Amino acid sequence: MAKISNLYRYPIKGLSPEPLTKMAVSHGQGLPFDRAFALALGTTRFDPEAPEPLDKGYFLMLRKNEKLAALATRLVPETGRLTIRHRGELVLEAAAEKLGIDIPDSEIEVLIREQAEAFDEDPEDQLLRLRESGRFESLREDLRLRKALDTVTSEVKRIPRELAAAREALWTPDKEKPDTEAKLWTPGS
C-alpha cells in the first residue's frame, strides 16, 4: 500500500514548495492551487485579454536563479492571500515599511463609497459594517501592500529582448550542471 510521507504545493511556479499537512484532492484534477502563480521574466509578452500557456523558460525558476530559494511562499486558498517571505520577513510588508507607505482612512472611505454606489448600496452602512467586522483594517493593509507592489514594479527597468537573449546565451558555470540531480554510487546501492 502506498503512503504519502511528505506533501508539498508550489504556490508560485518555479519557487520553493509550501509544506502541507493535508490537502483535499478530486479524481481527475490537479492539486488545488498548485502553481497558481508564476513570475514572468521582464521580456515575457503576455496578453491578459487573450491568455495562452507559455513555456517555463518565460518565467523565473530556481533552476536558473538559485537565489530564489531564499523565498518562502504560502497561499491561503480561503482568502486567496499569497505571502512571500525572505529570511522570515514578509517581502511586501518590508517594502511598504521602507517606502513609508501609509493608507489614510479617507482613501479607504473614498474607495468604499465608490464601490457601494456602483452596486446601489448605502456607503455609510458599508463603512460601518467594515469597521465593526475589522475588515476596514484588513482592507487598509491590502491597499498598503498593493501600493508597495505597484511602487516596486514601477521602478523595474525593462531591458530589450535582444539584450535578455544575449545575457541568456552567455556561458556561466551553472549552465554545465546536468538537468537531473546527480546520483552518487556507493557500495550496496
C-alpha atoms as a PDB file:
ATOM      1  CA  MET A   1       0.000   0.000   0.000  1.00  0.00           C
ATOM      2  CA  ALA A   2       1.328   3.440  -0.946  1.00  0.00           C
ATOM      3  CA  LYS A   3       1.875   6.005   1.789  1.00  0.00           C
ATOM      4  CA  ILE A   4       2.348   9.751   1.433  1.00  0.00           C
ATOM      5  CA  SER A   5       5.167  10.847   3.705  1.00  0.00           C
ATOM      6  CA  ASN A   6       5.527  14.478   2.570  1.00  0.00           C
ATOM      7  CA  LEU A   7       3.035  16.774   0.906  1.00  0.00           C
ATOM      8  CA  TYR A   8       4.011  19.974  -0.894  1.00  0.00           C
ATOM      9  CA  ARG A   9       2.324  22.576  -3.033  1.00  0.00           C
ATOM     10  CA  TYR A  10       4.126  25.146  -5.182  1.00  0.00           C
ATOM     11  CA  PRO A  11       2.010  28.331  -4.976  1.00  0.00           C
ATOM     12  CA  ILE A  12       4.400  30.084  -7.373  1.00  0.00           C
ATOM     13  CA  LYS A  13       5.668  28.023 -10.290  1.00  0.00           C
ATOM     14  CA  GLY A  14       9.422  27.564 -10.106  1.00  0.00           C
ATOM     15  CA  LEU A  15       9.883  28.699  -6.495  1.00  0.00           C
ATOM     16  CA  SER A  16      10.241  26.730  -3.266  1.00  0.00           C
ATOM     17  CA  PRO A  17       7.405  24.467  -2.168  1.00  0.00           C
ATOM     18  CA  GLU A  18       4.986  25.073   0.661  1.00  0.00           C
ATOM     19  CA  PRO A  19       4.801  22.086   3.040  1.00  0.00           C
ATOM     20  CA  LEU A  20       1.252  20.969   3.852  1.00  0.00           C
ATOM     21  CA  THR A  21      -0.218  18.642   6.443  1.00  0.00           C
ATOM     22  CA  LYS A  22      -3.326  17.912   4.375  1.00  0.00           C
ATOM     23  CA  MET A  23      -4.901  18.663   1.011  1.00  0.00           C
ATOM     24  CA  ALA A  24      -8.283  17.820  -0.479  1.00  0.00           C
ATOM     25  CA  VAL A  25      -7.983  16.287  -3.927  1.00  0.00           C
ATOM     26  CA  SER A  26     -10.507  15.305  -6.565  1.00  0.00           C
ATOM     27  CA  HIS A  27     -10.327  12.465  -9.056  1.00  0.00           C
ATOM     28  CA  GLY A  28      -9.032  13.623 -12.415  1.00  0.00           C
ATOM     29  CA  GLN A  29      -7.998  17.050 -11.100  1.00  0.00           C
ATOM     30  CA  GLY A  30      -4.590  18.556 -10.371  1.00  0.00           C
ATOM     31  CA  LEU A  31      -3.574  19.627  -6.897  1.00  0.00           C
ATOM     32  CA  PRO A  32      -5.657  22.650  -5.861  1.00  0.00           C
ATOM     33  CA  PHE A  33      -3.772  25.946  -6.051  1.00  0.00           C
ATOM     34  CA  ASP A  34      -0.546  24.240  -7.130  1.00  0.00           C
ATOM     35  CA  ARG A  35       1.426  26.591  -9.398  1.00  0.00           C
ATOM     36  CA  ALA A  36      -1.420  29.120  -9.282  1.00  0.00           C
ATOM     37  CA  PHE A  37       1.072  31.955  -9.829  1.00  0.00           C
ATOM     38  CA  ALA A  38       4.262  32.486 -11.827  1.00  0.00           C
ATOM     39  CA  LEU A  39       6.833  35.276 -12.032  1.00  0.00           C
ATOM     40  CA  ALA A  40       7.313  36.195 -15.673  1.00  0.00           C
ATOM     41  CA  LEU A  41      10.630  37.469 -16.929  1.00  0.00           C
ATOM     42  CA  GLY A  42      10.643  41.157 -17.819  1.00  0.00           C
ATOM     43  CA  THR A  43      10.879  40.301 -21.508  1.00  0.00           C
ATOM     44  CA  THR A  44       7.850  37.998 -21.484  1.00  0.00           C
ATOM     45  CA  ARG A  45       4.955  39.192 -23.589  1.00  0.00           C
ATOM     46  CA  PHE A  46       1.596  38.286 -22.141  1.00  0.00           C
ATOM     47  CA  ASP A  47      -1.838  39.468 -23.177  1.00  0.00           C
ATOM     48  CA  PRO A  48      -4.288  39.257 -20.240  1.00  0.00           C
ATOM     49  CA  GLU A  49      -7.160  39.716 -22.708  1.00  0.00           C
ATOM     50  CA  ALA A  50      -6.095  36.591 -24.625  1.00  0.00           C
ATOM     51  CA  PRO A  51      -4.005  34.475 -22.235  1.00  0.00           C
ATOM     52  CA  GLU A  52      -2.155  31.491 -23.662  1.00  0.00           C
ATOM     53  CA  PRO A  53       0.052  28.896 -21.949  1.00  0.00           C
ATOM     54  CA  LEU A  54       3.750  29.770 -22.061  1.00  0.00           C
ATOM     55  CA  ASP A  55       6.833  27.577 -21.822  1.00  0.00           C
ATOM     56  CA  LYS A  56       8.572  27.540 -18.438  1.00  0.00           C
ATOM     57  CA  GLY A  57      11.519  29.384 -19.987  1.00  0.00           C
ATOM     58  CA  TYR A  58       9.455  32.582 -19.872  1.00  0.00           C
ATOM     59  CA  PHE A  59       9.391  32.536 -16.068  1.00  0.00           C
ATOM     60  CA  LEU A  60      11.778  32.850 -13.139  1.00  0.00           C
ATOM     61  CA  MET A  61      12.734  29.480 -11.686  1.00  0.00           C
ATOM     62  CA  LEU A  62      15.057  28.047  -9.066  1.00  0.00           C
ATOM     63  CA  ARG A  63      16.984  26.045 -11.635  1.00  0.00           C
ATOM     64  CA  LYS A  64      18.383  29.216 -13.183  1.00  0.00           C
ATOM     65  CA  ASN A  65      18.046  31.636 -10.256  1.00  0.00           C
ATOM     66  CA  GLU A  66      19.255  29.863  -7.112  1.00  0.00           C
ATOM     67  CA  LYS A  67      18.753  32.998  -5.005  1.00  0.00           C
ATOM     68  CA  LEU A  68      15.004  32.422  -5.308  1.00  0.00           C
ATOM     69  CA  ALA A  69      15.434  29.507  -2.877  1.00  0.00           C
ATOM     70  CA  ALA A  70      15.639  32.108  -0.091  1.00  0.00           C
ATOM     71  CA  LEU A  71      11.960  32.952  -0.672  1.00  0.00           C
ATOM     72  CA  ALA A  72       9.276  31.035   1.201  1.00  0.00           C
ATOM     73  CA  THR A  73       5.752  31.149  -0.207  1.00  0.00           C
ATOM     74  CA  ARG A  74       2.419  30.436   1.417  1.00  0.00           C
ATOM     75  CA  LEU A  75      -1.051  30.538  -0.091  1.00  0.00           C
ATOM     76  CA  VAL A  76      -4.270  30.642   1.928  1.00  0.00           C
ATOM     77  CA  PRO A  77      -6.879  29.326  -0.542  1.00  0.00           C
ATOM     78  CA  GLU A  78      -9.838  30.520   1.548  1.00  0.00           C
ATOM     79  CA  THR A  79      -8.753  34.157   1.267  1.00  0.00           C
ATOM     80  CA  GLY A  80      -6.579  33.985  -1.850  1.00  0.00           C
ATOM     81  CA  ARG A  81      -3.788  35.643   0.138  1.00  0.00           C
ATOM     82  CA  LEU A  82      -0.308  34.803  -1.086  1.00  0.00           C
ATOM     83  CA  THR A  83       2.642  35.702   1.106  1.00  0.00           C
ATOM     84  CA  ILE A  84       6.291  35.703   0.153  1.00  0.00           C
ATOM     85  CA  ARG A  85       8.894  35.786   2.887  1.00  0.00           C
ATOM     86  CA  HIS A  86      12.619  36.395   2.706  1.00  0.00           C
ATOM     87  CA  ARG A  87      14.524  35.309   5.813  1.00  0.00           C
ATOM     88  CA  GLY A  88      11.244  35.220   7.700  1.00  0.00           C
ATOM     89  CA  GLU A  89      10.224  38.749   6.754  1.00  0.00           C
ATOM     90  CA  LEU A  90       7.228  39.430   4.538  1.00  0.00           C
ATOM     91  CA  VAL A  91       8.621  40.910   1.335  1.00  0.00           C
ATOM     92  CA  LEU A  92       5.886  43.440   0.514  1.00  0.00           C
ATOM     93  CA  GLU A  93       5.476  44.461   4.141  1.00  0.00           C
ATOM     94  CA  ALA A  94       9.190  45.223   4.312  1.00  0.00           C
ATOM     95  CA  ALA A  95       8.934  47.227   1.080  1.00  0.00           C
ATOM     96  CA  ALA A  96       5.881  49.140   2.354  1.00  0.00           C
ATOM     97  CA  GLU A  97       7.700  49.907   5.596  1.00  0.00           C
ATOM     98  CA  LYS A  98      10.870  51.063   3.827  1.00  0.00           C
ATOM     99  CA  LEU A  99       8.866  53.207   1.402  1.00  0.00           C
ATOM    100  CA  GLY A 100       6.866  54.719   4.274  1.00  0.00           C
ATOM    101  CA  ILE A 101       3.539  53.755   2.699  1.00  0.00           C
ATOM    102  CA  ASP A 102       0.506  54.513   4.836  1.00  0.00           C
ATOM    103  CA  ILE A 103      -3.132  54.443   3.756  1.00  0.00           C
ATOM    104  CA  PRO A 104      -5.281  57.122   5.443  1.00  0.00           C
ATOM    105  CA  ASP A 105      -8.911  56.493   6.392  1.00  0.00           C
ATOM    106  CA  SER A 106     -10.042  58.966   3.745  1.00  0.00           C
ATOM    107  CA  GLU A 107      -8.543  56.878   0.913  1.00  0.00           C
ATOM    108  CA  ILE A 108     -10.349  53.751   2.118  1.00  0.00           C
ATOM    109  CA  GLU A 109     -13.600  55.636   2.587  1.00  0.00           C
ATOM    110  CA  VAL A 110     -13.470  57.031  -0.974  1.00  0.00           C
ATOM    111  CA  LEU A 111     -12.929  53.526  -2.354  1.00  0.00           C
ATOM    112  CA  ILE A 112     -15.783  52.008  -0.301  1.00  0.00           C
ATOM    113  CA  ARG A 113     -18.176  54.817  -1.232  1.00  0.00           C
ATOM    114  CA  GLU A 114     -17.392  54.414  -4.939  1.00  0.00           C
ATOM    115  CA  GLN A 115     -17.900  50.653  -4.815  1.00  0.00           C
ATOM    116  CA  ALA A 116     -21.064  50.864  -2.702  1.00  0.00           C
ATOM    117  CA  GLU A 117     -22.631  53.375  -5.075  1.00  0.00           C
ATOM    118  CA  ALA A 118     -21.684  51.231  -8.086  1.00  0.00           C
ATOM    119  CA  PHE A 119     -23.734  48.391  -6.539  1.00  0.00           C
ATOM    120  CA  ASP A 120     -26.596  50.632  -5.317  1.00  0.00           C
ATOM    121  CA  GLU A 121     -25.696  50.059  -1.667  1.00  0.00           C
ATOM    122  CA  ASP A 122     -25.612  52.533   1.195  1.00  0.00           C
ATOM    123  CA  PRO A 123     -21.964  53.683   1.512  1.00  0.00           C
ATOM    124  CA  GLU A 124     -22.276  54.640   5.188  1.00  0.00           C
ATOM    125  CA  ASP A 125     -23.803  51.263   6.009  1.00  0.00           C
ATOM    126  CA  GLN A 126     -20.939  49.511   4.203  1.00  0.00           C
ATOM    127  CA  LEU A 127     -18.344  51.579   6.064  1.00  0.00           C
ATOM    128  CA  LEU A 128     -19.993  50.840   9.413  1.00  0.00           C
ATOM    129  CA  ARG A 129     -20.104  47.076   8.685  1.00  0.00           C
ATOM    130  CA  LEU A 130     -16.465  47.061   7.574  1.00  0.00           C
ATOM    131  CA  ARG A 131     -15.348  48.839  10.727  1.00  0.00           C
ATOM    132  CA  GLU A 132     -17.415  46.610  13.020  1.00  0.00           C
ATOM    133  CA  SER A 133     -16.128  43.424  11.415  1.00  0.00           C
ATOM    134  CA  GLY A 134     -12.471  44.513  11.435  1.00  0.00           C
ATOM    135  CA  ARG A 135     -12.311  44.272   7.639  1.00  0.00           C
ATOM    136  CA  PHE A 136     -11.645  48.008   7.387  1.00  0.00           C
ATOM    137  CA  GLU A 137      -8.130  47.442   8.767  1.00  0.00           C
ATOM    138  CA  SER A 138      -7.643  44.365   6.574  1.00  0.00           C
ATOM    139  CA  LEU A 139      -8.541  46.490   3.569  1.00  0.00           C
ATOM    140  CA  ARG A 140      -6.073  49.159   4.708  1.00  0.00           C
ATOM    141  CA  GLU A 141      -3.293  46.542   4.798  1.00  0.00           C
ATOM    142  CA  ASP A 142      -4.285  45.112   1.399  1.00  0.00           C
ATOM    143  CA  LEU A 143      -4.188  48.607  -0.132  1.00  0.00           C
ATOM    144  CA  ARG A 144      -0.851  49.315   1.543  1.00  0.00           C
ATOM    145  CA  LEU A 145       0.707  46.147   0.142  1.00  0.00           C
ATOM    146  CA  ARG A 146      -0.807  46.771  -3.302  1.00  0.00           C
ATOM    147  CA  LYS A 147       0.691  50.270  -3.305  1.00  0.00           C
ATOM    148  CA  ALA A 148       4.076  48.792  -2.297  1.00  0.00           C
ATOM    149  CA  LEU A 149       3.886  46.283  -5.139  1.00  0.00           C
ATOM    150  CA  ASP A 150       2.869  48.991  -7.621  1.00  0.00           C
ATOM    151  CA  THR A 151       5.751  51.191  -6.466  1.00  0.00           C
ATOM    152  CA  VAL A 152       8.325  48.403  -6.666  1.00  0.00           C
ATOM    153  CA  THR A 153       7.161  47.198 -10.081  1.00  0.00           C
ATOM    154  CA  SER A 154       7.018  50.746 -11.468  1.00  0.00           C
ATOM    155  CA  GLU A 155      10.723  51.075 -10.688  1.00  0.00           C
ATOM    156  CA  VAL A 156      11.675  47.924 -12.602  1.00  0.00           C
ATOM    157  CA  LYS A 157      13.619  48.782 -15.720  1.00  0.00           C
ATOM    158  CA  ARG A 158      12.822  46.676 -18.756  1.00  0.00           C
ATOM    159  CA  ILE A 159      15.682  45.533 -20.890  1.00  0.00           C
ATOM    160  CA  PRO A 160      15.404  44.957 -24.627  1.00  0.00           C
ATOM    161  CA  ARG A 161      14.548  41.397 -25.668  1.00  0.00           C
ATOM    162  CA  GLU A 162      17.828  41.188 -27.620  1.00  0.00           C
ATOM    163  CA  LEU A 163      19.864  42.052 -24.524  1.00  0.00           C
ATOM    164  CA  ALA A 164      17.978  39.452 -22.475  1.00  0.00           C
ATOM    165  CA  ALA A 165      18.682  36.830 -25.154  1.00  0.00           C
ATOM    166  CA  ALA A 166      22.351  37.829 -25.238  1.00  0.00           C
ATOM    167  CA  ARG A 167      22.612  37.528 -21.436  1.00  0.00           C
ATOM    168  CA  GLU A 168      20.986  34.104 -21.572  1.00  0.00           C
ATOM    169  CA  ALA A 169      23.469  32.982 -24.226  1.00  0.00           C
ATOM    170  CA  LEU A 170      26.500  33.872 -22.084  1.00  0.00           C
ATOM    171  CA  TRP A 171      28.358  30.900 -20.678  1.00  0.00           C
ATOM    172  CA  THR A 172      28.297  30.519 -16.918  1.00  0.00           C
ATOM    173  CA  PRO A 173      29.423  27.526 -14.841  1.00  0.00           C
ATOM    174  CA  ASP A 174      25.852  26.708 -13.789  1.00  0.00           C
ATOM    175  CA  LYS A 175      24.983  26.018 -17.435  1.00  0.00           C
ATOM    176  CA  GLU A 176      27.188  22.950 -17.255  1.00  0.00           C
ATOM    177  CA  LYS A 177      25.070  21.484 -14.464  1.00  0.00           C
ATOM    178  CA  PRO A 178      23.096  18.445 -15.568  1.00  0.00           C
ATOM    179  CA  ASP A 179      19.334  18.809 -15.889  1.00  0.00           C
ATOM    180  CA  THR A 180      18.843  15.945 -13.459  1.00  0.00           C
ATOM    181  CA  GLU A 181      20.157  15.569  -9.983  1.00  0.00           C
ATOM    182  CA  ALA A 182      23.434  13.644  -9.891  1.00  0.00           C
ATOM    183  CA  LYS A 183      23.324  10.324  -8.060  1.00  0.00           C
ATOM    184  CA  LEU A 184      26.275   9.162  -6.046  1.00  0.00           C
ATOM    185  CA  TRP A 185      27.084   5.487  -6.302  1.00  0.00           C
ATOM    186  CA  THR A 186      28.029   3.813  -3.048  1.00  0.00           C
ATOM    187  CA  PRO A 187      28.749   0.155  -2.374  1.00  0.00           C
ATOM    188  CA  GLY A 188      25.492  -1.634  -1.800  1.00  0.00           C
ATOM    189  CA  SER A 189      23.360   0.930  -3.572  1.00  0.00           C
END
